[in-house]
Amino acid sequence: MNNATNCFFERISALTIGVILMIGAIGLTIISITIIPVVGLILAVPLFGLSVYFFRVHFNRQCQIQTD
């Protein structure tokens, strides 16, 4: 089996984490527009960055996240 089929569950979990973080970032952005402008954006930007990281993550042959 190749790497794409070996790491199926790891890819699904990374996608799920990315989606959850993106929903959180969007929610905080909406809150920052309506309720608490500065705090919401300060929290939303790192969540957005983490979600992008999990969407773009690459796995090595042992199905671990590549660090290089």
C-alpha atoms as a PDB file:
ATOM      1  CA  MET A   1       0.000   0.000   0.000  1.00  0.00           C
ATOM      2  CA  ASN A   2       1.154   3.484  -0.670  1.00  0.00           C
ATOM      3  CA  ASN A   3       1.388   6.371   1.790  1.00  0.00           C
ATOM      4  CA  ALA A   4      -1.955   7.879   0.752  1.00  0.00           C
ATOM      5  CA  THR A   5      -3.944   4.820   1.797  1.00  0.00           C
ATOM      6  CA  ASN A   6      -1.818   4.001   4.836  1.00  0.00           C
ATOM      7  CA  CYS A   7      -2.469   7.336   6.518  1.00  0.00           C
ATOM      8  CA  PHE A   8      -6.187   7.595   5.765  1.00  0.00           C
ATOM      9  CA  PHE A   9      -7.329   8.023   9.380  1.00  0.00           C
ATOM     10  CA  GLU A  10      -4.513  10.456  10.168  1.00  0.00           C
ATOM     11  CA  ARG A  11      -5.531  12.583   7.185  1.00  0.00           C
ATOM     12  CA  ILE A  12      -9.186  12.509   8.230  1.00  0.00           C
ATOM     13  CA  SER A  13      -8.283  13.537  11.787  1.00  0.00           C
ATOM     14  CA  ALA A  14      -6.072  16.387  10.530  1.00  0.00           C
ATOM     15  CA  LEU A  15      -8.902  17.552   8.261  1.00  0.00           C
ATOM     16  CA  THR A  16     -11.383  17.380  11.150  1.00  0.00           C
ATOM     17  CA  ILE A  17      -9.100  19.379  13.436  1.00  0.00           C
ATOM     18  CA  GLY A  18      -8.589  21.938  10.653  1.00  0.00           C
ATOM     19  CA  VAL A  19     -12.332  22.306  10.113  1.00  0.00           C
ATOM     20  CA  ILE A  20     -13.014  22.704  13.847  1.00  0.00           C
ATOM     21  CA  LEU A  21     -10.299  25.346  14.161  1.00  0.00           C
ATOM     22  CA  MET A  22     -11.594  27.174  11.066  1.00  0.00           C
ATOM     23  CA  ILE A  23     -15.133  27.227  12.487  1.00  0.00           C
ATOM     24  CA  GLY A  24     -13.726  28.601  15.736  1.00  0.00           C
ATOM     25  CA  ALA A  25     -11.782  31.291  13.870  1.00  0.00           C
ATOM     26  CA  ILE A  26     -14.849  32.313  11.878  1.00  0.00           C
ATOM     27  CA  GLY A  27     -16.939  32.390  15.059  1.00  0.00           C
ATOM     28  CA  LEU A  28     -14.388  34.564  16.850  1.00  0.00           C
ATOM     29  CA  THR A  29     -14.217  36.873  13.842  1.00  0.00           C
ATOM     30  CA  ILE A  30     -17.981  37.332  13.924  1.00  0.00           C
ATOM     31  CA  ILE A  31     -17.852  37.948  17.673  1.00  0.00           C
ATOM     32  CA  SER A  32     -15.048  40.439  17.201  1.00  0.00           C
ATOM     33  CA  ILE A  33     -17.121  42.398  14.710  1.00  0.00           C
ATOM     34  CA  THR A  34     -20.192  42.513  16.927  1.00  0.00           C
ATOM     35  CA  ILE A  35     -19.179  42.271  20.592  1.00  0.00           C
ATOM     36  CA  ILE A  36     -15.488  42.415  21.533  1.00  0.00           C
ATOM     37  CA  PRO A  37     -13.432  43.835  18.667  1.00  0.00           C
ATOM     38  CA  VAL A  38      -9.856  43.511  19.871  1.00  0.00           C
ATOM     39  CA  VAL A  39      -9.988  40.290  21.904  1.00  0.00           C
ATOM     40  CA  GLY A  40     -11.880  38.377  19.225  1.00  0.00           C
ATOM     41  CA  LEU A  41      -9.381  39.223  16.509  1.00  0.00           C
ATOM     42  CA  ILE A  42      -6.408  38.482  18.751  1.00  0.00           C
ATOM     43  CA  LEU A  43      -7.814  34.992  19.316  1.00  0.00           C
ATOM     44  CA  ALA A  44      -9.106  34.450  15.768  1.00  0.00           C
ATOM     45  CA  VAL A  45      -5.813  35.034  13.937  1.00  0.00           C
ATOM     46  CA  PRO A  46      -3.859  32.188  15.648  1.00  0.00           C
ATOM     47  CA  LEU A  47      -6.806  29.818  15.227  1.00  0.00           C
ATOM     48  CA  PHE A  48      -6.942  30.621  11.533  1.00  0.00           C
ATOM     49  CA  GLY A  49      -3.193  29.989  11.232  1.00  0.00           C
ATOM     50  CA  LEU A  50      -3.477  26.645  13.015  1.00  0.00           C
ATOM     51  CA  SER A  51      -6.353  25.567  10.798  1.00  0.00           C
ATOM     52  CA  VAL A  52      -4.334  26.367   7.666  1.00  0.00           C
ATOM     53  CA  TYR A  53      -1.445  24.351   9.112  1.00  0.00           C
ATOM     54  CA  PHE A  54      -3.657  21.300   9.651  1.00  0.00           C
ATOM     55  CA  PHE A  55      -5.120  21.619   6.139  1.00  0.00           C
ATOM     56  CA  ARG A  56      -1.610  21.637   4.623  1.00  0.00           C
ATOM     57  CA  VAL A  57       0.062  19.043   6.882  1.00  0.00           C
ATOM     58  CA  HIS A  58       2.125  16.284   5.225  1.00  0.00           C
ATOM     59  CA  PHE A  59       2.726  12.826   6.673  1.00  0.00           C
ATOM     60  CA  ASN A  60       5.859  10.687   6.386  1.00  0.00           C
ATOM     61  CA  ARG A  61       5.944   6.894   5.858  1.00  0.00           C
ATOM     62  CA  GLN A  62       5.212   6.249   9.547  1.00  0.00           C
ATOM     63  CA  CYS A  63       2.081   8.432   9.311  1.00  0.00           C
ATOM     64  CA  GLN A  64       3.619  11.126  11.494  1.00  0.00           C
ATOM     65  CA  ILE A  65       3.535  14.824  10.694  1.00  0.00           C
ATOM     66  CA  GLN A  66       6.668  15.851   8.789  1.00  0.00           C
ATOM     67  CA  THR A  67       8.646  18.540  10.563  1.00  0.00           C
ATOM     68  CA  ASP A  68      11.042  19.519   7.783  1.00  0.00           C
END
